[in-house]
C-alpha atoms as a PDB file:
ATOM      1  CA  MET A   1     -17.290 -27.947  35.509  1.00  0.00           C
ATOM      2  CA  GLY A   2     -15.500 -27.427  32.062  1.00  0.00           C
ATOM      3  CA  THR A   3     -17.788 -26.595  29.007  1.00  0.00           C
ATOM      4  CA  ASP A   4     -19.074 -29.692  26.809  1.00  0.00           C
ATOM      5  CA  LEU A   5     -18.314 -28.404  23.494  1.00  0.00           C
ATOM      6  CA  HIS A   6     -20.632 -30.977  21.894  1.00  0.00           C
ATOM      7  CA  GLU A   7     -23.891 -29.913  24.461  1.00  0.00           C
ATOM      8  CA  LEU A   8     -23.326 -26.528  23.150  1.00  0.00           C
ATOM      9  CA  LEU A   9     -23.285 -27.406  19.648  1.00  0.00           C
ATOM     10  CA  ARG A  10     -26.229 -29.557  19.893  1.00  0.00           C
ATOM     11  CA  SER A  11     -28.017 -26.579  21.534  1.00  0.00           C
ATOM     12  CA  LEU A  12     -27.455 -24.155  18.692  1.00  0.00           C
ATOM     13  CA  ARG A  13     -29.920 -23.212  15.837  1.00  0.00           C
ATOM     14  CA  VAL A  14     -29.352 -21.085  12.944  1.00  0.00           C
ATOM     15  CA  TRP A  15     -31.757 -18.635  11.356  1.00  0.00           C
ATOM     16  CA  ASP A  16     -33.831 -17.743  14.312  1.00  0.00           C
ATOM     17  CA  ASP A  17     -36.957 -15.808  13.118  1.00  0.00           C
ATOM     18  CA  ALA A  18     -36.486 -13.394  15.729  1.00  0.00           C
ATOM     19  CA  VAL A  19     -33.421 -12.233  14.352  1.00  0.00           C
ATOM     20  CA  THR A  20     -33.718 -13.836  10.642  1.00  0.00           C
ATOM     21  CA  GLU A  21     -35.572 -12.560   7.330  1.00  0.00           C
ATOM     22  CA  LEU A  22     -35.299 -15.434   4.901  1.00  0.00           C
ATOM     23  CA  ARG A  23     -36.297 -13.374   1.444  1.00  0.00           C
ATOM     24  CA  ALA A  24     -37.538 -15.050  -1.480  1.00  0.00           C
ATOM     25  CA  PHE A  25     -35.121 -15.204  -4.428  1.00  0.00           C
ATOM     26  CA  ASP A  26     -35.672 -15.645  -8.104  1.00  0.00           C
ATOM     27  CA  PRO A  27     -32.709 -16.156 -10.035  1.00  0.00           C
ATOM     28  CA  ALA A  28     -34.019 -15.138 -13.135  1.00  0.00           C
ATOM     29  CA  THR A  29     -34.221 -11.618 -12.100  1.00  0.00           C
ATOM     30  CA  ALA A  30     -30.653 -11.793 -11.789  1.00  0.00           C
ATOM     31  CA  PRO A  31     -28.337  -8.886 -13.546  1.00  0.00           C
ATOM     32  CA  PRO A  32     -26.136 -10.486 -16.172  1.00  0.00           C
ATOM     33  CA  ALA A  33     -22.927  -9.723 -14.094  1.00  0.00           C
ATOM     34  CA  PRO A  34     -22.170 -10.377 -10.568  1.00  0.00           C
ATOM     35  CA  LEU A  35     -21.215  -7.231  -9.251  1.00  0.00           C
ATOM     36  CA  GLY A  36     -24.652  -5.686  -9.449  1.00  0.00           C
ATOM     37  CA  LEU A  37     -26.264  -8.291  -7.438  1.00  0.00           C
ATOM     38  CA  PHE A  38     -23.345  -8.202  -5.009  1.00  0.00           C
ATOM     39  CA  THR A  39     -23.825  -4.586  -4.596  1.00  0.00           C
ATOM     40  CA  ALA A  40     -27.714  -4.963  -4.036  1.00  0.00           C
ATOM     41  CA  TRP A  41     -27.224  -7.740  -1.345  1.00  0.00           C
ATOM     42  CA  PHE A  42     -24.606  -5.964   0.259  1.00  0.00           C
ATOM     43  CA  ALA A  43     -27.004  -2.690   0.598  1.00  0.00           C
ATOM     44  CA  GLU A  44     -29.816  -4.779   1.631  1.00  0.00           C
ATOM     45  CA  ALA A  45     -27.684  -6.571   4.513  1.00  0.00           C
ATOM     46  CA  VAL A  46     -26.472  -2.954   5.775  1.00  0.00           C
ATOM     47  CA  ALA A  47     -30.257  -1.625   5.702  1.00  0.00           C
ATOM     48  CA  ALA A  48     -31.443  -5.282   7.338  1.00  0.00           C
ATOM     49  CA  GLY A  49     -28.918  -4.329  10.299  1.00  0.00           C
ATOM     50  CA  GLN A  50     -26.214  -6.938   9.628  1.00  0.00           C
ATOM     51  CA  THR A  51     -23.522  -6.362  11.739  1.00  0.00           C
ATOM     52  CA  GLU A  52     -20.237  -5.545  10.418  1.00  0.00           C
ATOM     53  CA  PRO A  53     -21.246  -6.420   6.831  1.00  0.00           C
ATOM     54  CA  HIS A  54     -17.747  -5.796   5.257  1.00  0.00           C
ATOM     55  CA  THR A  55     -15.818  -8.246   6.950  1.00  0.00           C
ATOM     56  CA  MET A  56     -14.887 -11.658   4.989  1.00  0.00           C
ATOM     57  CA  SER A  57     -13.112 -14.674   4.834  1.00  0.00           C
ATOM     58  CA  LEU A  58     -10.136 -14.587   2.770  1.00  0.00           C
ATOM     59  CA  ALA A  59      -8.718 -17.564   1.827  1.00  0.00           C
ATOM     60  CA  THR A  60      -5.274 -18.447   0.489  1.00  0.00           C
ATOM     61  CA  SER A  61      -2.432 -20.787   0.405  1.00  0.00           C
ATOM     62  CA  ASP A  62       1.384 -21.285   0.672  1.00  0.00           C
ATOM     63  CA  ALA A  63       3.884 -22.318  -1.752  1.00  0.00           C
ATOM     64  CA  GLU A  64       2.934 -25.811  -0.694  1.00  0.00           C
ATOM     65  CA  GLY A  65      -0.342 -25.477  -1.549  1.00  0.00           C
ATOM     66  CA  ARG A  66      -1.908 -25.598   2.158  1.00  0.00           C
ATOM     67  CA  PRO A  67      -4.538 -23.439   2.381  1.00  0.00           C
ATOM     68  CA  ASP A  68      -4.883 -20.784   5.273  1.00  0.00           C
ATOM     69  CA  VAL A  69      -7.871 -18.515   6.186  1.00  0.00           C
ATOM     70  CA  ARG A  70      -8.423 -15.238   8.187  1.00  0.00           C
ATOM     71  CA  THR A  71     -11.139 -12.675   8.355  1.00  0.00           C
ATOM     72  CA  VAL A  72     -10.355  -9.302   6.524  1.00  0.00           C
ATOM     73  CA  MET A  73     -12.058  -6.036   5.653  1.00  0.00           C
ATOM     74  CA  LEU A  74     -13.497  -5.434   2.023  1.00  0.00           C
ATOM     75  CA  HIS A  75     -11.913  -2.129   0.710  1.00  0.00           C
ATOM     76  CA  GLY A  76     -14.076  -1.844  -2.578  1.00  0.00           C
ATOM     77  CA  ALA A  77     -15.728  -3.934  -5.369  1.00  0.00           C
ATOM     78  CA  ASP A  78     -16.013  -2.268  -8.644  1.00  0.00           C
ATOM     79  CA  ALA A  79     -14.670  -3.291 -12.440  1.00  0.00           C
ATOM     80  CA  ASP A  80     -11.110  -3.936 -11.347  1.00  0.00           C
ATOM     81  CA  GLY A  81     -12.147  -6.315  -8.575  1.00  0.00           C
ATOM     82  CA  TRP A  82     -13.081  -6.829  -5.047  1.00  0.00           C
ATOM     83  CA  SER A  83     -10.180  -5.243  -2.800  1.00  0.00           C
ATOM     84  CA  PHE A  84      -8.712  -5.927   0.343  1.00  0.00           C
ATOM     85  CA  ALA A  85      -5.236  -4.411   1.615  1.00  0.00           C
ATOM     86  CA  SER A  86      -2.324  -5.877   3.937  1.00  0.00           C
ATOM     87  CA  HIS A  87       1.406  -5.403   4.187  1.00  0.00           C
ATOM     88  CA  SER A  88       3.306  -7.071   1.058  1.00  0.00           C
ATOM     89  CA  HIS A  89       5.207  -9.115   3.896  1.00  0.00           C
ATOM     90  CA  SER A  90       2.577 -10.529   6.008  1.00  0.00           C
ATOM     91  CA  ARG A  91       1.737 -14.075   5.677  1.00  0.00           C
ATOM     92  CA  LYS A  92      -1.225 -13.360   3.314  1.00  0.00           C
ATOM     93  CA  GLY A  93       0.985 -11.188   1.162  1.00  0.00           C
ATOM     94  CA  GLY A  94       3.595 -13.903   1.069  1.00  0.00           C
ATOM     95  CA  HIS A  95       1.065 -16.564  -0.215  1.00  0.00           C
ATOM     96  CA  LEU A  96      -0.312 -13.981  -2.966  1.00  0.00           C
ATOM     97  CA  ALA A  97       3.190 -13.410  -4.190  1.00  0.00           C
ATOM     98  CA  ALA A  98       4.049 -17.137  -4.207  1.00  0.00           C
ATOM     99  CA  ARG A  99       0.161 -18.379  -5.499  1.00  0.00           C
ATOM    100  CA  PRO A 100      -1.438 -15.280  -6.771  1.00  0.00           C
ATOM    101  CA  TYR A 101      -5.343 -16.667  -6.182  1.00  0.00           C
ATOM    102  CA  ALA A 102      -7.710 -16.472  -3.455  1.00  0.00           C
ATOM    103  CA  ALA A 103     -11.112 -17.051  -2.506  1.00  0.00           C
ATOM    104  CA  LEU A 104     -13.593 -14.776  -0.433  1.00  0.00           C
ATOM    105  CA  GLY A 105     -16.415 -15.471   1.678  1.00  0.00           C
ATOM    106  CA  PHE A 106     -18.972 -13.205   3.001  1.00  0.00           C
ATOM    107  CA  TYR A 107     -21.847 -14.248   5.326  1.00  0.00           C
ATOM    108  CA  TRP A 108     -24.891 -12.173   6.293  1.00  0.00           C
ATOM    109  CA  PRO A 109     -26.723 -14.330   8.893  1.00  0.00           C
ATOM    110  CA  VAL A 110     -29.722 -11.493   9.029  1.00  0.00           C
ATOM    111  CA  LEU A 111     -30.911 -12.298   5.582  1.00  0.00           C
ATOM    112  CA  GLY A 112     -29.488 -15.987   5.639  1.00  0.00           C
ATOM    113  CA  ARG A 113     -27.132 -15.114   2.740  1.00  0.00           C
ATOM    114  CA  GLN A 114     -23.851 -15.997   1.454  1.00  0.00           C
ATOM    115  CA  VAL A 115     -21.517 -14.610  -1.347  1.00  0.00           C
ATOM    116  CA  ARG A 116     -18.498 -16.413  -2.567  1.00  0.00           C
ATOM    117  CA  VAL A 117     -15.895 -15.026  -4.843  1.00  0.00           C
ATOM    118  CA  ARG A 118     -12.799 -17.016  -6.405  1.00  0.00           C
ATOM    119  CA  GLY A 119     -10.283 -15.473  -8.805  1.00  0.00           C
ATOM    120  CA  ALA A 120      -6.590 -14.482  -9.699  1.00  0.00           C
ATOM    121  CA  VAL A 121      -5.069 -11.795  -7.421  1.00  0.00           C
ATOM    122  CA  ALA A 122      -2.823  -8.784  -8.175  1.00  0.00           C
ATOM    123  CA  ALA A 123      -1.417  -5.785  -6.447  1.00  0.00           C
ATOM    124  CA  ALA A 124      -2.832  -2.306  -7.389  1.00  0.00           C
ATOM    125  CA  PRO A 125       0.110   0.243  -8.283  1.00  0.00           C
ATOM    126  CA  SER A 126       1.883   1.643  -4.969  1.00  0.00           C
ATOM    127  CA  ALA A 127      -0.141   5.181  -5.270  1.00  0.00           C
ATOM    128  CA  ALA A 128      -3.289   3.069  -5.297  1.00  0.00           C
ATOM    129  CA  GLY A 129      -2.624   1.599  -2.181  1.00  0.00           C
ATOM    130  CA  GLN A 130      -1.174   4.531  -0.321  1.00  0.00           C
ATOM    131  CA  ALA A 131      -4.495   6.484  -1.228  1.00  0.00           C
ATOM    132  CA  ASP A 132      -6.571   3.740  -0.127  1.00  0.00           C
ATOM    133  CA  LEU A 133      -4.611   3.661   3.287  1.00  0.00           C
ATOM    134  CA  HIS A 134      -4.700   7.352   3.833  1.00  0.00           C
ATOM    135  CA  ALA A 135      -8.343   7.426   3.123  1.00  0.00           C
ATOM    136  CA  ARG A 136      -8.773   5.410   6.530  1.00  0.00           C
ATOM    137  CA  SER A 137      -8.848   6.105   9.947  1.00  0.00           C
ATOM    138  CA  THR A 138      -5.946   7.419  12.328  1.00  0.00           C
ATOM    139  CA  GLY A 139      -5.861   4.212  13.847  1.00  0.00           C
ATOM    140  CA  ALA A 140      -5.802   2.288  10.596  1.00  0.00           C
ATOM    141  CA  LEU A 141      -2.589   4.063   9.590  1.00  0.00           C
ATOM    142  CA  ALA A 142      -1.071   3.667  13.129  1.00  0.00           C
ATOM    143  CA  ALA A 143      -1.496  -0.193  12.799  1.00  0.00           C
ATOM    144  CA  ALA A 144       0.244  -0.233   9.211  1.00  0.00           C
ATOM    145  CA  LEU A 145       3.186   2.218  10.700  1.00  0.00           C
ATOM    146  CA  THR A 146       3.433  -0.465  13.231  1.00  0.00           C
ATOM    147  CA  GLY A 147       4.349  -2.756  10.803  1.00  0.00           C
ATOM    148  CA  ARG A 148       6.250  -6.542  11.090  1.00  0.00           C
ATOM    149  CA  GLN A 149       2.688  -7.810  10.594  1.00  0.00           C
ATOM    150  CA  SER A 150       2.820 -11.918  11.396  1.00  0.00           C
ATOM    151  CA  GLU A 151       6.139 -11.704  12.821  1.00  0.00           C
ATOM    152  CA  VAL A 152       6.918 -13.416  16.365  1.00  0.00           C
ATOM    153  CA  LEU A 153       6.268 -10.924  18.879  1.00  0.00           C
ATOM    154  CA  GLY A 154       8.765 -10.933  21.860  1.00  0.00           C
ATOM    155  CA  SER A 155       6.115  -9.658  24.367  1.00  0.00           C
ATOM    156  CA  VAL A 156       3.132  -7.742  24.886  1.00  0.00           C
ATOM    157  CA  ALA A 157       5.112  -4.510  26.070  1.00  0.00           C
ATOM    158  CA  GLU A 158       7.146  -4.404  23.126  1.00  0.00           C
ATOM    159  CA  LEU A 159       3.810  -4.397  21.121  1.00  0.00           C
ATOM    160  CA  ALA A 160       2.603  -1.516  23.146  1.00  0.00           C
ATOM    161  CA  ASP A 161       5.620   0.699  22.790  1.00  0.00           C
ATOM    162  CA  ALA A 162       5.480   0.144  18.939  1.00  0.00           C
ATOM    163  CA  SER A 163       2.086   1.064  18.657  1.00  0.00           C
ATOM    164  CA  GLU A 164       2.526   4.107  20.721  1.00  0.00           C
ATOM    165  CA  ALA A 165       5.090   5.491  18.974  1.00  0.00           C
ATOM    166  CA  ALA A 166       3.103   4.733  15.739  1.00  0.00           C
ATOM    167  CA  TRP A 167      -0.065   6.334  16.623  1.00  0.00           C
ATOM    168  CA  GLU A 168       2.219   9.288  17.586  1.00  0.00           C
ATOM    169  CA  ARG A 169       3.574   9.614  14.156  1.00  0.00           C
ATOM    170  CA  ALA A 170      -0.052   8.801  12.552  1.00  0.00           C
ATOM    171  CA  GLN A 171      -1.390  11.734  14.240  1.00  0.00           C
ATOM    172  CA  ARG A 172       1.673  13.860  13.621  1.00  0.00           C
ATOM    173  CA  GLU A 173       1.816  12.825   9.893  1.00  0.00           C
ATOM    174  CA  PRO A 174      -1.444  11.812   8.381  1.00  0.00           C
ATOM    175  CA  ALA A 175      -0.003  11.399   5.073  1.00  0.00           C
ATOM    176  CA  ALA A 176       2.925   9.147   6.528  1.00  0.00           C
ATOM    177  CA  PRO A 177       4.012   6.439   3.821  1.00  0.00           C
ATOM    178  CA  VAL A 178       4.012   2.859   4.441  1.00  0.00           C
ATOM    179  CA  ALA A 179       5.908   1.239   1.446  1.00  0.00           C
ATOM    180  CA  SER A 180       4.485  -2.157   2.629  1.00  0.00           C
ATOM    181  CA  TRP A 181       1.215  -1.388   2.457  1.00  0.00           C
ATOM    182  CA  THR A 182      -0.490  -3.091  -0.558  1.00  0.00           C
ATOM    183  CA  LEU A 183      -4.346  -3.050  -2.073  1.00  0.00           C
ATOM    184  CA  TYR A 184      -4.952  -6.219  -3.697  1.00  0.00           C
ATOM    185  CA  ARG A 185      -7.304  -6.823  -5.982  1.00  0.00           C
ATOM    186  CA  LEU A 186      -9.562 -10.235  -6.774  1.00  0.00           C
ATOM    187  CA  VAL A 187     -10.707 -10.303 -10.179  1.00  0.00           C
ATOM    188  CA  PRO A 188     -13.538 -13.040 -10.023  1.00  0.00           C
ATOM    189  CA  GLU A 189     -13.763 -16.230 -11.943  1.00  0.00           C
ATOM    190  CA  GLU A 190     -16.728 -17.600 -10.022  1.00  0.00           C
ATOM    191  CA  VAL A 191     -19.165 -15.792  -7.773  1.00  0.00           C
ATOM    192  CA  GLU A 192     -22.200 -17.623  -5.913  1.00  0.00           C
ATOM    193  CA  PHE A 193     -24.785 -16.228  -4.390  1.00  0.00           C
ATOM    194  CA  PHE A 194     -26.239 -18.446  -1.659  1.00  0.00           C
ATOM    195  CA  GLN A 195     -29.854 -17.802  -0.395  1.00  0.00           C
ATOM    196  CA  GLY A 196     -31.150 -19.912   2.550  1.00  0.00           C
ATOM    197  CA  ASP A 197     -34.728 -21.287   2.625  1.00  0.00           C
ATOM    198  CA  ALA A 198     -36.516 -22.425   5.649  1.00  0.00           C
ATOM    199  CA  ARG A 199     -37.365 -25.705   4.314  1.00  0.00           C
ATOM    200  CA  ARG A 200     -33.592 -26.243   3.084  1.00  0.00           C
ATOM    201  CA  ARG A 201     -34.387 -25.616  -0.515  1.00  0.00           C
ATOM    202  CA  HIS A 202     -31.515 -23.329  -0.812  1.00  0.00           C
ATOM    203  CA  VAL A 203     -31.035 -21.112  -3.956  1.00  0.00           C
ATOM    204  CA  ARG A 204     -27.488 -21.122  -5.263  1.00  0.00           C
ATOM    205  CA  LEU A 205     -26.748 -19.095  -8.050  1.00  0.00           C
ATOM    206  CA  ARG A 206     -23.229 -19.271  -9.630  1.00  0.00           C
ATOM    207  CA  TYR A 207     -21.621 -17.084 -12.073  1.00  0.00           C
ATOM    208  CA  ARG A 208     -18.612 -18.410 -13.976  1.00  0.00           C
ATOM    209  CA  ARG A 209     -16.178 -16.328 -16.428  1.00  0.00           C
ATOM    210  CA  ALA A 210     -16.834 -17.383 -19.763  1.00  0.00           C
ATOM    211  CA  ASP A 211     -13.746 -17.739 -22.414  1.00  0.00           C
ATOM    212  CA  ASP A 212     -15.114 -14.501 -24.267  1.00  0.00           C
ATOM    213  CA  GLY A 213     -15.033 -12.637 -20.869  1.00  0.00           C
ATOM    214  CA  GLY A 214     -18.723 -12.555 -20.313  1.00  0.00           C
ATOM    215  CA  TRP A 215     -20.659 -14.481 -17.406  1.00  0.00           C
ATOM    216  CA  VAL A 216     -22.541 -17.740 -17.458  1.00  0.00           C
ATOM    217  CA  ARG A 217     -24.905 -18.290 -14.690  1.00  0.00           C
ATOM    218  CA  GLU A 218     -26.002 -21.493 -13.681  1.00  0.00           C
ATOM    219  CA  LEU A 219     -27.864 -22.909 -10.574  1.00  0.00           C
ATOM    220  CA  LEU A 220     -26.303 -25.461  -8.005  1.00  0.00           C
ATOM    221  CA  TRP A 221     -28.043 -27.914  -6.043  1.00  0.00           C
ATOM    222  CA  PRO A 222     -27.986 -27.105  -2.162  1.00  0.00           C
END
C-alpha cells in the first residue's frame, strides 16, 4: 500500500514543546544593524543544539527571471556581507552572473526562528576564494577538484572515477588551485528576523537599508 502524503501532512505538527523552545523576543532591544542580531541568534541556535545551523536556502533566478533554490553552507557573515561559495560555471554561478541578486533563508526550528536576507551579490577576489577553499576539509577540496558541477553526468561510475582521482590529488596537493571556485558575498538590503510564538503572535522585525546607508527597523504583521 502506498503512502498517503496528505495523511502524513495532516499528522505533523511544528514546534513540539519537547524539542522546541519559543523564546520571548522584544524587538525594541534589537541592535541598530542586523549583523549583531544575526550573530547572536546564530550562537543561540548552536547552543540550543540546532543541527547544521550554518545551512541555508539560496534563491537565485536565471536570465529569464525564473527562480531556483537550493541548500548551501554559510561561509561567513561580516561587514563584507553573507558569504557562500560555488563553481562559477555551476547553475547558481550562471544565475548570479546574469542576475547578481539573491535571497538567503535560515530556519532554526529548535527555537522557532527564521532569518531572511536579500541583496546584491558580488564575487570576492580570486585569492579570497582560494583561501576560503583551502581553509576547508580535504573532502571539500576533493569535491571542488572533481568539478563539472551541474553538468549532465553519464553514469555513477564516471563520478566515482573522477572523485577518486580528485581525492588523491587533494591529499597530495592540499593547496591545489581550483580556478572556477568562487566566494560570493551577498550585501544585504533587507534582513528579516522571525520569532515564532505559540499563540501565533509571531514577531517579525525587518531591517531595511536606507538611502544614507543606515538601517530602518520596522515590524511586520505575521
